[in-house]
C-alpha atoms as a PDB file:
ATOM      1  CA  MET A   1     105.094 108.814 146.417  1.00  0.00           C
ATOM      2  CA  ASN A   2     107.894 106.339 147.080  1.00  0.00           C
ATOM      3  CA  VAL A   3     107.201 102.633 146.719  1.00  0.00           C
ATOM      4  CA  THR A   4     109.816 100.016 147.535  1.00  0.00           C
ATOM      5  CA  GLY A   5     109.991  96.244 147.831  1.00  0.00           C
ATOM      6  CA  HIS A   6     108.299  95.427 144.532  1.00  0.00           C
ATOM      7  CA  THR A   7     109.726  94.513 141.147  1.00  0.00           C
ATOM      8  CA  ARG A   8     108.277  96.836 138.516  1.00  0.00           C
ATOM      9  CA  GLY A   9     105.456  95.031 136.696  1.00  0.00           C
ATOM     10  CA  SER A  10     105.009  92.335 139.391  1.00  0.00           C
ATOM     11  CA  SER A  11     102.703  94.293 141.709  1.00  0.00           C
ATOM     12  CA  SER A  12      99.121  93.368 142.498  1.00  0.00           C
ATOM     13  CA  ILE A  13      96.034  95.516 142.744  1.00  0.00           C
ATOM     14  CA  ARG A  14      96.374  95.444 146.559  1.00  0.00           C
ATOM     15  CA  ASP A  15      99.925  96.809 146.279  1.00  0.00           C
ATOM     16  CA  VAL A  16      98.569  99.700 144.226  1.00  0.00           C
ATOM     17  CA  ALA A  17      95.836 100.273 146.817  1.00  0.00           C
ATOM     18  CA  ALA A  18      98.370 100.365 149.645  1.00  0.00           C
ATOM     19  CA  ALA A  19     100.654 102.769 147.781  1.00  0.00           C
ATOM     20  CA  ALA A  20      97.772 105.125 146.979  1.00  0.00           C
ATOM     21  CA  GLY A  21      96.173 104.868 150.413  1.00  0.00           C
ATOM     22  CA  VAL A  22      92.827 103.617 149.113  1.00  0.00           C
ATOM     23  CA  SER A  23      90.888 100.361 149.040  1.00  0.00           C
ATOM     24  CA  TYR A  24      91.498  97.815 146.298  1.00  0.00           C
ATOM     25  CA  GLN A  25      87.859  98.340 145.262  1.00  0.00           C
ATOM     26  CA  THR A  26      88.681 101.987 144.535  1.00  0.00           C
ATOM     27  CA  VAL A  27      91.654 100.921 142.421  1.00  0.00           C
ATOM     28  CA  SER A  28      89.346  98.618 140.476  1.00  0.00           C
ATOM     29  CA  ARG A  29      86.911 101.474 139.865  1.00  0.00           C
ATOM     30  CA  VAL A  30      89.734 103.684 138.553  1.00  0.00           C
ATOM     31  CA  ILE A  31      91.004 100.923 136.242  1.00  0.00           C
ATOM     32  CA  ASN A  32      87.536 100.402 134.815  1.00  0.00           C
ATOM     33  CA  GLY A  33      86.864 104.114 134.315  1.00  0.00           C
ATOM     34  CA  HIS A  34      84.043 104.343 136.849  1.00  0.00           C
ATOM     35  CA  PRO A  35      82.779 107.935 137.116  1.00  0.00           C
ATOM     36  CA  SER A  36      82.184 107.854 140.909  1.00  0.00           C
ATOM     37  CA  VAL A  37      85.866 108.418 141.844  1.00  0.00           C
ATOM     38  CA  ARG A  38      87.098 111.874 142.872  1.00  0.00           C
ATOM     39  CA  GLN A  39      89.652 113.339 140.475  1.00  0.00           C
ATOM     40  CA  SER A  40      92.294 113.717 143.204  1.00  0.00           C
ATOM     41  CA  THR A  41      91.872 110.058 144.170  1.00  0.00           C
ATOM     42  CA  ARG A  42      91.993 108.972 140.552  1.00  0.00           C
ATOM     43  CA  GLU A  43      95.253 110.859 140.023  1.00  0.00           C
ATOM     44  CA  ARG A  44      96.787 109.290 143.134  1.00  0.00           C
ATOM     45  CA  VAL A  45      95.849 105.792 141.992  1.00  0.00           C
ATOM     46  CA  LEU A  46      97.141 106.381 138.464  1.00  0.00           C
ATOM     47  CA  ALA A  47     100.441 107.655 139.873  1.00  0.00           C
ATOM     48  CA  ALA A  48     100.798 104.483 141.964  1.00  0.00           C
ATOM     49  CA  ILE A  49      99.979 102.330 138.929  1.00  0.00           C
ATOM     50  CA  ASP A  50     102.645 104.109 136.915  1.00  0.00           C
ATOM     51  CA  GLU A  51     105.301 103.886 139.634  1.00  0.00           C
ATOM     52  CA  LEU A  52     104.667 100.210 140.311  1.00  0.00           C
ATOM     53  CA  GLY A  53     104.318  99.311 136.638  1.00  0.00           C
ATOM     54  CA  PHE A  54     101.035  97.557 137.446  1.00  0.00           C
ATOM     55  CA  ARG A  55      99.293  95.804 134.550  1.00  0.00           C
ATOM     56  CA  ARG A  56      95.771  94.481 134.574  1.00  0.00           C
ATOM     57  CA  ASN A  57      95.343  90.759 134.169  1.00  0.00           C
ATOM     58  CA  ALA A  58      93.244  90.650 131.019  1.00  0.00           C
ATOM     59  CA  THR A  59      91.963  87.125 131.689  1.00  0.00           C
ATOM     60  CA  ALA A  60      90.803  87.969 135.201  1.00  0.00           C
ATOM     61  CA  LEU A  61      89.186  91.164 133.973  1.00  0.00           C
ATOM     62  CA  ALA A  62      87.311  89.278 131.268  1.00  0.00           C
ATOM     63  CA  LEU A  63      86.062  86.714 133.787  1.00  0.00           C
ATOM     64  CA  ALA A  64      84.945  89.442 136.173  1.00  0.00           C
ATOM     65  CA  ARG A  65      83.037  91.227 133.440  1.00  0.00           C
ATOM     66  CA  GLY A  66      81.665  88.097 131.850  1.00  0.00           C
ATOM     67  CA  ARG A  67      83.091  88.895 128.438  1.00  0.00           C
ATOM     68  CA  SER A  68      86.301  88.570 126.482  1.00  0.00           C
ATOM     69  CA  ARG A  69      88.579  91.512 125.766  1.00  0.00           C
ATOM     70  CA  ALA A  70      89.224  90.239 122.261  1.00  0.00           C
ATOM     71  CA  VAL A  71      88.331  91.235 118.731  1.00  0.00           C
ATOM     72  CA  THR A  72      88.481  89.112 115.592  1.00  0.00           C
ATOM     73  CA  VAL A  73      88.892  90.760 112.192  1.00  0.00           C
ATOM     74  CA  LEU A  74      87.449  88.790 109.273  1.00  0.00           C
ATOM     75  CA  THR A  75      89.015  89.672 105.922  1.00  0.00           C
ATOM     76  CA  ALA A  76      89.637  88.079 102.552  1.00  0.00           C
ATOM     77  CA  ASN A  77      92.994  89.817 102.184  1.00  0.00           C
ATOM     78  CA  THR A  78      95.791  90.877 104.523  1.00  0.00           C
ATOM     79  CA  THR A  79      98.330  92.257 102.024  1.00  0.00           C
ATOM     80  CA  HIS A  80      96.640  94.845  99.786  1.00  0.00           C
ATOM     81  CA  TYR A  81      97.313  98.358 101.037  1.00  0.00           C
ATOM     82  CA  GLY A  82      93.766  99.257 102.104  1.00  0.00           C
ATOM     83  CA  TYR A  83      93.132  95.970 103.906  1.00  0.00           C
ATOM     84  CA  ALA A  84      96.536  95.946 105.619  1.00  0.00           C
ATOM     85  CA  SER A  85      96.180  99.563 106.757  1.00  0.00           C
ATOM     86  CA  ILE A  86      92.737  98.872 108.235  1.00  0.00           C
ATOM     87  CA  LEU A  87      94.208  95.930 110.154  1.00  0.00           C
ATOM     88  CA  GLN A  88      96.976  98.207 111.414  1.00  0.00           C
ATOM     89  CA  GLY A  89      94.447 100.760 112.665  1.00  0.00           C
ATOM     90  CA  VAL A  90      92.360  98.105 114.437  1.00  0.00           C
ATOM     91  CA  GLU A  91      95.447  96.659 116.126  1.00  0.00           C
ATOM     92  CA  GLU A  92      96.727 100.052 117.281  1.00  0.00           C
ATOM     93  CA  ALA A  93      93.379 101.047 118.790  1.00  0.00           C
ATOM     94  CA  ALA A  94      92.798  97.637 120.360  1.00  0.00           C
ATOM     95  CA  ARG A  95      96.255  97.553 121.933  1.00  0.00           C
ATOM     96  CA  ALA A  96      95.657 100.959 123.504  1.00  0.00           C
ATOM     97  CA  ALA A  97      92.430  99.631 125.044  1.00  0.00           C
ATOM     98  CA  ALA A  98      94.095  96.398 126.283  1.00  0.00           C
ATOM     99  CA  TYR A  99      92.223  94.224 123.785  1.00  0.00           C
ATOM    100  CA  SER A 100      93.760  91.382 121.833  1.00  0.00           C
ATOM    101  CA  VAL A 101      93.200  91.021 118.077  1.00  0.00           C
ATOM    102  CA  GLY A 102      92.840  87.865 116.017  1.00  0.00           C
ATOM    103  CA  VAL A 103      92.531  87.619 112.246  1.00  0.00           C
ATOM    104  CA  GLY A 104      90.293  85.189 110.382  1.00  0.00           C
ATOM    105  CA  VAL A 105      91.040  84.890 106.676  1.00  0.00           C
ATOM    106  CA  LEU A 106      88.110  84.303 104.328  1.00  0.00           C
ATOM    107  CA  GLU A 107      89.711  82.079 101.713  1.00  0.00           C
ATOM    108  CA  SER A 108      86.568  81.752  99.623  1.00  0.00           C
ATOM    109  CA  ALA A 109      83.233  83.482  99.055  1.00  0.00           C
ATOM    110  CA  ASP A 110      81.567  80.058  99.125  1.00  0.00           C
ATOM    111  CA  GLU A 111      78.681  80.144 101.601  1.00  0.00           C
ATOM    112  CA  ALA A 112      79.786  77.068 103.526  1.00  0.00           C
ATOM    113  CA  ALA A 113      83.382  78.279 103.851  1.00  0.00           C
ATOM    114  CA  VAL A 114      82.281  81.715 105.028  1.00  0.00           C
ATOM    115  CA  THR A 115      79.872  80.205 107.564  1.00  0.00           C
ATOM    116  CA  VAL A 116      82.641  78.081 109.065  1.00  0.00           C
ATOM    117  CA  GLU A 117      84.961  81.072 109.437  1.00  0.00           C
ATOM    118  CA  VAL A 118      82.247  83.273 110.950  1.00  0.00           C
ATOM    119  CA  GLN A 119      81.354  80.565 113.458  1.00  0.00           C
ATOM    120  CA  ARG A 120      85.012  80.091 114.381  1.00  0.00           C
ATOM    121  CA  ALA A 121      85.307  83.814 115.042  1.00  0.00           C
ATOM    122  CA  ALA A 122      82.090  83.805 117.074  1.00  0.00           C
ATOM    123  CA  ASP A 123      83.347  80.899 119.186  1.00  0.00           C
ATOM    124  CA  ALA A 124      86.472  82.903 120.040  1.00  0.00           C
ATOM    125  CA  GLY A 125      84.310  85.378 121.971  1.00  0.00           C
ATOM    126  CA  GLY A 126      84.492  89.151 122.005  1.00  0.00           C
ATOM    127  CA  GLY A 127      83.389  91.095 118.940  1.00  0.00           C
ATOM    128  CA  LEU A 128      83.900  91.021 115.184  1.00  0.00           C
ATOM    129  CA  ILE A 129      85.100  93.518 112.620  1.00  0.00           C
ATOM    130  CA  VAL A 130      84.403  92.456 109.033  1.00  0.00           C
ATOM    131  CA  ILE A 131      86.223  94.087 106.114  1.00  0.00           C
ATOM    132  CA  ALA A 132      83.510  93.860 103.465  1.00  0.00           C
ATOM    133  CA  TYR A 133      85.337  95.089 100.365  1.00  0.00           C
ATOM    134  CA  ASP A 134      84.748  91.903  98.387  1.00  0.00           C
ATOM    135  CA  PRO A 135      82.071  89.200  97.981  1.00  0.00           C
ATOM    136  CA  ALA A 136      83.522  87.024 100.761  1.00  0.00           C
ATOM    137  CA  GLY A 137      83.531  89.925 103.210  1.00  0.00           C
ATOM    138  CA  VAL A 138      80.008  90.991 102.283  1.00  0.00           C
ATOM    139  CA  ARG A 139      78.735  87.447 102.777  1.00  0.00           C
ATOM    140  CA  ALA A 140      80.525  87.204 106.128  1.00  0.00           C
ATOM    141  CA  LEU A 141      78.963  90.454 107.340  1.00  0.00           C
ATOM    142  CA  GLU A 142      75.529  89.160 106.353  1.00  0.00           C
ATOM    143  CA  SER A 143      76.186  85.826 108.103  1.00  0.00           C
ATOM    144  CA  VAL A 144      77.098  87.090 111.571  1.00  0.00           C
ATOM    145  CA  PRO A 145      74.668  85.594 114.127  1.00  0.00           C
ATOM    146  CA  ALA A 146      72.162  87.917 115.747  1.00  0.00           C
ATOM    147  CA  GLY A 147      73.340  89.237 119.094  1.00  0.00           C
ATOM    148  CA  LEU A 148      77.052  89.046 118.295  1.00  0.00           C
ATOM    149  CA  PRO A 149      78.695  92.512 118.407  1.00  0.00           C
ATOM    150  CA  VAL A 150      79.955  93.333 114.911  1.00  0.00           C
ATOM    151  CA  VAL A 151      81.148  96.343 112.913  1.00  0.00           C
ATOM    152  CA  GLY A 152      81.439  96.317 109.135  1.00  0.00           C
ATOM    153  CA  VAL A 153      84.076  98.218 107.163  1.00  0.00           C
ATOM    154  CA  VAL A 154      82.204  98.730 103.909  1.00  0.00           C
ATOM    155  CA  GLU A 155      82.310 100.429 100.537  1.00  0.00           C
ATOM    156  CA  THR A 156      80.657 103.833 100.382  1.00  0.00           C
ATOM    157  CA  PRO A 157      76.921 103.111 100.823  1.00  0.00           C
ATOM    158  CA  ALA A 158      74.565 104.237  98.066  1.00  0.00           C
ATOM    159  CA  SER A 159      72.636 106.127 100.767  1.00  0.00           C
ATOM    160  CA  ASP A 160      73.170 106.801 104.469  1.00  0.00           C
ATOM    161  CA  PRO A 161      72.560 103.542 106.374  1.00  0.00           C
ATOM    162  CA  THR A 162      70.148 103.317 109.281  1.00  0.00           C
ATOM    163  CA  GLY A 163      71.349 103.349 112.875  1.00  0.00           C
ATOM    164  CA  ASP A 164      71.053  99.579 113.267  1.00  0.00           C
ATOM    165  CA  ARG A 165      73.921  99.064 110.814  1.00  0.00           C
ATOM    166  CA  PRO A 166      77.231  99.634 112.622  1.00  0.00           C
ATOM    167  CA  TRP A 167      79.296 100.445 109.537  1.00  0.00           C
ATOM    168  CA  VAL A 168      82.263 102.682 108.845  1.00  0.00           C
ATOM    169  CA  TRP A 169      83.489 103.797 105.435  1.00  0.00           C
ATOM    170  CA  THR A 170      85.501 106.363 103.504  1.00  0.00           C
ATOM    171  CA  ASP A 171      83.910 108.456 100.771  1.00  0.00           C
ATOM    172  CA  ASP A 172      85.270 106.696  97.681  1.00  0.00           C
ATOM    173  CA  ARG A 173      82.666 108.310  95.457  1.00  0.00           C
ATOM    174  CA  GLU A 174      83.736 111.831  96.385  1.00  0.00           C
ATOM    175  CA  ALA A 175      87.406 110.871  96.032  1.00  0.00           C
ATOM    176  CA  ALA A 176      86.966 109.530  92.492  1.00  0.00           C
ATOM    177  CA  TYR A 177      84.859 112.550  91.578  1.00  0.00           C
ATOM    178  CA  GLU A 178      87.563 114.998  92.737  1.00  0.00           C
ATOM    179  CA  VAL A 179      90.500 113.308  91.004  1.00  0.00           C
ATOM    180  CA  THR A 180      88.519 112.987  87.747  1.00  0.00           C
ATOM    181  CA  ARG A 181      87.616 116.678  87.906  1.00  0.00           C
ATOM    182  CA  HIS A 182      91.299 117.478  88.412  1.00  0.00           C
ATOM    183  CA  LEU A 183      92.278 115.631  85.240  1.00  0.00           C
ATOM    184  CA  LEU A 184      89.477 117.235  83.250  1.00  0.00           C
ATOM    185  CA  SER A 185      90.487 120.690  84.523  1.00  0.00           C
ATOM    186  CA  LEU A 186      93.905 120.197  82.936  1.00  0.00           C
ATOM    187  CA  GLY A 187      92.225 120.141  79.526  1.00  0.00           C
ATOM    188  CA  HIS A 188      91.774 116.429  78.832  1.00  0.00           C
ATOM    189  CA  GLU A 189      88.756 115.632  76.673  1.00  0.00           C
ATOM    190  CA  THR A 190      87.887 112.645  78.859  1.00  0.00           C
ATOM    191  CA  VAL A 191      89.392 110.323  81.467  1.00  0.00           C
ATOM    192  CA  HIS A 192      89.689 106.571  80.989  1.00  0.00           C
ATOM    193  CA  TYR A 193      89.216 104.374  84.058  1.00  0.00           C
ATOM    194  CA  VAL A 194      90.968 101.155  85.101  1.00  0.00           C
ATOM    195  CA  ALA A 195      88.569  99.711  87.672  1.00  0.00           C
ATOM    196  CA  ILE A 196      88.970  97.573  90.779  1.00  0.00           C
ATOM    197  CA  PRO A 197      86.283  94.964  91.524  1.00  0.00           C
ATOM    198  CA  SER A 198      83.178  96.038  93.436  1.00  0.00           C
ATOM    199  CA  SER A 199      82.085  94.167  96.534  1.00  0.00           C
ATOM    200  CA  THR A 200      78.334  94.382  96.205  1.00  0.00           C
ATOM    201  CA  ARG A 201      77.246  95.777  92.875  1.00  0.00           C
ATOM    202  CA  ARG A 202      78.286  96.172  89.259  1.00  0.00           C
ATOM    203  CA  THR A 203      79.127  99.836  89.713  1.00  0.00           C
ATOM    204  CA  SER A 204      81.506 100.566  92.599  1.00  0.00           C
ATOM    205  CA  ALA A 205      81.515 103.893  94.436  1.00  0.00           C
ATOM    206  CA  ARG A 206      84.778 104.798  92.711  1.00  0.00           C
ATOM    207  CA  THR A 207      83.298 104.081  89.293  1.00  0.00           C
ATOM    208  CA  GLY A 208      80.233 106.099  90.228  1.00  0.00           C
ATOM    209  CA  GLY A 209      82.287 109.144  91.230  1.00  0.00           C
ATOM    210  CA  TRP A 210      84.333 108.979  88.006  1.00  0.00           C
ATOM    211  CA  ARG A 211      81.173 108.699  85.939  1.00  0.00           C
ATOM    212  CA  GLN A 212      79.476 111.602  87.737  1.00  0.00           C
ATOM    213  CA  ALA A 213      82.414 113.946  87.058  1.00  0.00           C
ATOM    214  CA  LEU A 214      82.409 113.050  83.349  1.00  0.00           C
ATOM    215  CA  LYS A 215      78.672 113.561  83.105  1.00  0.00           C
ATOM    216  CA  GLU A 216      78.754 116.978  84.780  1.00  0.00           C
ATOM    217  CA  ALA A 217      81.548 118.087  82.438  1.00  0.00           C
ATOM    218  CA  GLY A 218      79.739 116.800  79.348  1.00  0.00           C
ATOM    219  CA  ALA A 219      82.756 114.589  78.626  1.00  0.00           C
ATOM    220  CA  PRO A 220      82.560 111.298  76.695  1.00  0.00           C
ATOM    221  CA  GLU A 221      82.312 108.218  78.932  1.00  0.00           C
ATOM    222  CA  PRO A 222      84.650 105.457  77.722  1.00  0.00           C
ATOM    223  CA  PRO A 223      83.905 101.944  79.002  1.00  0.00           C
ATOM    224  CA  PRO A 224      85.840 101.112  82.189  1.00  0.00           C
ATOM    225  CA  VAL A 225      88.682  98.619  81.802  1.00  0.00           C
ATOM    226  CA  GLN A 226      88.589  95.925  84.496  1.00  0.00           C
ATOM    227  CA  GLY A 227      91.998  95.744  86.126  1.00  0.00           C
ATOM    228  CA  GLY A 228      91.623  93.600  89.262  1.00  0.00           C
ATOM    229  CA  TRP A 229      93.648  94.638  92.315  1.00  0.00           C
ATOM    230  CA  GLY A 230      97.358  94.445  91.508  1.00  0.00           C
ATOM    231  CA  PRO A 231     100.112  95.740  89.194  1.00  0.00           C
ATOM    232  CA  ALA A 232      99.809  92.807  86.764  1.00  0.00           C
ATOM    233  CA  GLY A 233      96.184  93.699  86.057  1.00  0.00           C
ATOM    234  CA  GLY A 234      97.136  97.352  85.678  1.00  0.00           C
ATOM    235  CA  HIS A 235      99.914  96.412  83.259  1.00  0.00           C
ATOM    236  CA  ALA A 236      97.527  94.440  81.043  1.00  0.00           C
ATOM    237  CA  ALA A 237      94.996  97.288  81.085  1.00  0.00           C
ATOM    238  CA  GLY A 238      97.743  99.822  80.373  1.00  0.00           C
ATOM    239  CA  LEU A 239      98.942  97.932  77.307  1.00  0.00           C
ATOM    240  CA  GLU A 240      95.376  97.975  75.973  1.00  0.00           C
ATOM    241  CA  LEU A 241      94.962 101.697  76.574  1.00  0.00           C
ATOM    242  CA  ALA A 242      98.427 102.542  75.207  1.00  0.00           C
ATOM    243  CA  ARG A 243      97.388 101.268  71.766  1.00  0.00           C
ATOM    244  CA  ASP A 244      94.732 103.978  71.525  1.00  0.00           C
ATOM    245  CA  PRO A 245      96.339 107.338  70.598  1.00  0.00           C
ATOM    246  CA  SER A 246      93.250 109.221  71.773  1.00  0.00           C
ATOM    247  CA  VAL A 247      93.883 108.186  75.398  1.00  0.00           C
ATOM    248  CA  THR A 248      95.464 111.144  77.230  1.00  0.00           C
ATOM    249  CA  ALA A 249      94.308 110.620  80.831  1.00  0.00           C
ATOM    250  CA  VAL A 250      93.874 107.450  82.926  1.00  0.00           C
ATOM    251  CA  LEU A 251      92.427 107.111  86.431  1.00  0.00           C
ATOM    252  CA  CYS A 252      93.275 103.864  88.206  1.00  0.00           C
ATOM    253  CA  GLY A 253      91.153 102.282  90.942  1.00  0.00           C
ATOM    254  CA  ASN A 254      94.178 101.974  93.228  1.00  0.00           C
ATOM    255  CA  ASP A 255      97.876 102.850  93.241  1.00  0.00           C
ATOM    256  CA  ASP A 256      98.959  99.261  92.515  1.00  0.00           C
ATOM    257  CA  LEU A 257      97.000  99.334  89.259  1.00  0.00           C
ATOM    258  CA  ALA A 258      98.601 102.688  88.452  1.00  0.00           C
ATOM    259  CA  LEU A 259     102.040 101.143  88.938  1.00  0.00           C
ATOM    260  CA  GLY A 260     101.240  98.576  86.242  1.00  0.00           C
ATOM    261  CA  VAL A 261      99.760 101.214  83.920  1.00  0.00           C
ATOM    262  CA  LEU A 262     102.872 103.382  84.220  1.00  0.00           C
ATOM    263  CA  ARG A 263     105.059 100.416  83.275  1.00  0.00           C
ATOM    264  CA  ALA A 264     102.867  99.566  80.290  1.00  0.00           C
ATOM    265  CA  LEU A 265     102.929 103.143  78.984  1.00  0.00           C
ATOM    266  CA  HIS A 266     106.719 103.219  79.343  1.00  0.00           C
ATOM    267  CA  GLU A 267     107.027  99.984  77.356  1.00  0.00           C
ATOM    268  CA  ALA A 268     104.752 101.429  74.647  1.00  0.00           C
ATOM    269  CA  GLY A 269     106.892 104.563  74.371  1.00  0.00           C
ATOM    270  CA  ARG A 270     104.202 106.913  75.643  1.00  0.00           C
ATOM    271  CA  SER A 271     105.580 109.466  78.079  1.00  0.00           C
ATOM    272  CA  VAL A 272     103.890 110.373  81.382  1.00  0.00           C
ATOM    273  CA  PRO A 273     102.678 113.073  81.759  1.00  0.00           C
ATOM    274  CA  GLY A 274     103.803 114.384  78.351  1.00  0.00           C
ATOM    275  CA  GLU A 275     101.433 112.208  76.346  1.00  0.00           C
ATOM    276  CA  VAL A 276      99.290 110.537  79.008  1.00  0.00           C
ATOM    277  CA  SER A 277      98.398 111.659  82.527  1.00  0.00           C
ATOM    278  CA  VAL A 278      97.948 108.934  85.130  1.00  0.00           C
ATOM    279  CA  ALA A 279      96.295 109.175  88.560  1.00  0.00           C
ATOM    280  CA  GLY A 280      95.952 106.530  91.231  1.00  0.00           C
ATOM    281  CA  PHE A 281      93.866 106.028  94.338  1.00  0.00           C
ATOM    282  CA  ASP A 282      94.677 105.515  98.058  1.00  0.00           C
ATOM    283  CA  ASP A 283      98.109 107.241  98.329  1.00  0.00           C
ATOM    284  CA  ALA A 284      99.993 104.043  99.136  1.00  0.00           C
ATOM    285  CA  PRO A 285     103.534 104.693 100.478  1.00  0.00           C
ATOM    286  CA  HIS A 286     105.265 103.880  97.179  1.00  0.00           C
ATOM    287  CA  SER A 287     103.206 106.375  95.154  1.00  0.00           C
ATOM    288  CA  ALA A 288     105.372 109.351  96.123  1.00  0.00           C
ATOM    289  CA  TYR A 289     108.570 107.585  95.004  1.00  0.00           C
ATOM    290  CA  LEU A 290     107.638 106.384  91.536  1.00  0.00           C
ATOM    291  CA  THR A 291     109.103 108.061  88.454  1.00  0.00           C
ATOM    292  CA  PRO A 292     107.150 110.171  87.802  1.00  0.00           C
ATOM    293  CA  SER A 293     105.673 110.480  91.291  1.00  0.00           C
ATOM    294  CA  LEU A 294     102.006 109.550  91.231  1.00  0.00           C
ATOM    295  CA  THR A 295      99.072 111.930  91.458  1.00  0.00           C
ATOM    296  CA  THR A 296      96.551 110.165  93.655  1.00  0.00           C
ATOM    297  CA  VAL A 297      93.833 110.672  96.236  1.00  0.00           C
ATOM    298  CA  ARG A 298      94.548 109.998  99.891  1.00  0.00           C
ATOM    299  CA  LEU A 299      92.205 107.922 102.046  1.00  0.00           C
ATOM    300  CA  ASP A 300      92.877 107.329 105.735  1.00  0.00           C
ATOM    301  CA  PHE A 301      92.534 103.540 105.968  1.00  0.00           C
ATOM    302  CA  THR A 302      94.430 103.358 109.257  1.00  0.00           C
ATOM    303  CA  GLY A 303      92.000 105.869 110.718  1.00  0.00           C
ATOM    304  CA  LEU A 304      89.186 103.754 109.317  1.00  0.00           C
ATOM    305  CA  GLY A 305      90.495 100.753 111.270  1.00  0.00           C
ATOM    306  CA  ARG A 306      90.715 102.821 114.447  1.00  0.00           C
ATOM    307  CA  ALA A 307      87.165 104.065 113.929  1.00  0.00           C
ATOM    308  CA  ALA A 308      85.903 100.513 113.408  1.00  0.00           C
ATOM    309  CA  PHE A 309      87.433  99.403 116.697  1.00  0.00           C
ATOM    310  CA  ALA A 310      86.133 102.502 118.518  1.00  0.00           C
ATOM    311  CA  LEU A 311      82.605 101.756 117.335  1.00  0.00           C
ATOM    312  CA  LEU A 312      82.872  98.107 118.397  1.00  0.00           C
ATOM    313  CA  HIS A 313      84.519  99.048 121.690  1.00  0.00           C
ATOM    314  CA  GLY A 314      81.591 101.306 122.504  1.00  0.00           C
ATOM    315  CA  VAL A 315      79.228  98.382 121.966  1.00  0.00           C
ATOM    316  CA  LEU A 316      81.315  95.931 123.990  1.00  0.00           C
ATOM    317  CA  GLU A 317      81.796  98.340 126.876  1.00  0.00           C
ATOM    318  CA  GLU A 318      78.206  99.591 126.618  1.00  0.00           C
ATOM    319  CA  SER A 319      79.606 103.126 126.667  1.00  0.00           C
ATOM    320  CA  ALA A 320      78.476 104.525 123.327  1.00  0.00           C
ATOM    321  CA  PRO A 321      75.470 104.219 121.003  1.00  0.00           C
ATOM    322  CA  VAL A 322      75.826 102.438 117.682  1.00  0.00           C
ATOM    323  CA  ALA A 323      75.965 104.923 114.809  1.00  0.00           C
ATOM    324  CA  PRO A 324      77.224 104.372 111.252  1.00  0.00           C
ATOM    325  CA  ARG A 325      79.778 106.951 110.204  1.00  0.00           C
ATOM    326  CA  ARG A 326      81.855 108.221 107.327  1.00  0.00           C
ATOM    327  CA  VAL A 327      85.385 108.413 108.652  1.00  0.00           C
ATOM    328  CA  SER A 328      87.415 110.751 106.491  1.00  0.00           C
ATOM    329  CA  VAL A 329      87.214 113.259 103.672  1.00  0.00           C
ATOM    330  CA  PRO A 330      89.441 112.330 100.704  1.00  0.00           C
ATOM    331  CA  GLU A 331      92.429 114.536  99.893  1.00  0.00           C
ATOM    332  CA  LEU A 332      93.675 115.055  96.335  1.00  0.00           C
ATOM    333  CA  VAL A 333      97.474 114.759  96.152  1.00  0.00           C
ATOM    334  CA  VAL A 334      98.827 116.287  92.924  1.00  0.00           C
ATOM    335  CA  ARG A 335     102.264 115.064  91.870  1.00  0.00           C
ATOM    336  CA  GLU A 336     104.254 114.686  88.657  1.00  0.00           C
ATOM    337  CA  SER A 337     102.183 112.122  86.759  1.00  0.00           C
ATOM    338  CA  SER A 338      99.363 114.497  85.780  1.00  0.00           C
ATOM    339  CA  GLY A 339      99.627 117.426  83.376  1.00  0.00           C
ATOM    340  CA  ARG A 340      98.050 119.098  80.396  1.00  0.00           C
ATOM    341  CA  PRO A 341      97.292 116.970  77.314  1.00  0.00           C
ATOM    342  CA  PRO A 342      99.662 117.132  74.332  1.00  0.00           C
ATOM    343  CA  ALA A 343      98.974 119.978  71.923  1.00  0.00           C
END
């Protein structure tokens, strides 16, 4: 196929039709994935689209379909590793499907503030993805008006949700259970836990998995130390734990907390892993390059973002049923920061 007389990227749908030897209606059916087009015709049209560099006009397509090709992500945080990676996954999947992505930041869990942000997102059209890892996100997910397409990225549910709840999640409970079992298998009498906040309940899924592993092993259950989200909270918790000579193993609710704990143990003169083993959670990019490198558990947050968009896309395009789903199985990553307890 040889097409001349057009600047690449400036062609219209009728130019594509002429180059492929079909009607412009057939080109439209190919673009929209209609099943009633013969494969040979579809391939001819796609070849013409590629050669001409044709791009769909997203605005015109939205008007023709009566809906916006846009998604708004509501989140209380855009910088923490898990949140940022979910946003990355949503954006990658949306871009591939020719959708635009907006971000609405939930600055407060106050009901009025959340309502305003949800309404602003609803007014933008399209669908919503709510990252419900904190009280503001949970309230936003609960506040979405009926009839508005929405998918929630949530903590591990206590039980499998019903089909009318379009949620996606990773199995935090299983992840915490596996990394705690790893530390216990090295010979530690128990594992202390520096906890992240829970979005919906006093006991988060990560805390629950840690507690279950201790219980099954008949190990003592020390009270969790609340650490917040970042290294400063981990540092404060680490200084507290470092004062107790019986502490030989620490699980942290995320890798940022573990970074602070490692610093605190260093300042207290307690070697890792010689005297204290430390494990994190999430496998953030920096965890492999700490000294010592951090034992952690890997969760695919970017894949979680892609799955959230795929679920919402199916609703918006009316091409797939709504079904809640666990996205990934956690993977234990053993590095230098965990070892046997001191003799």
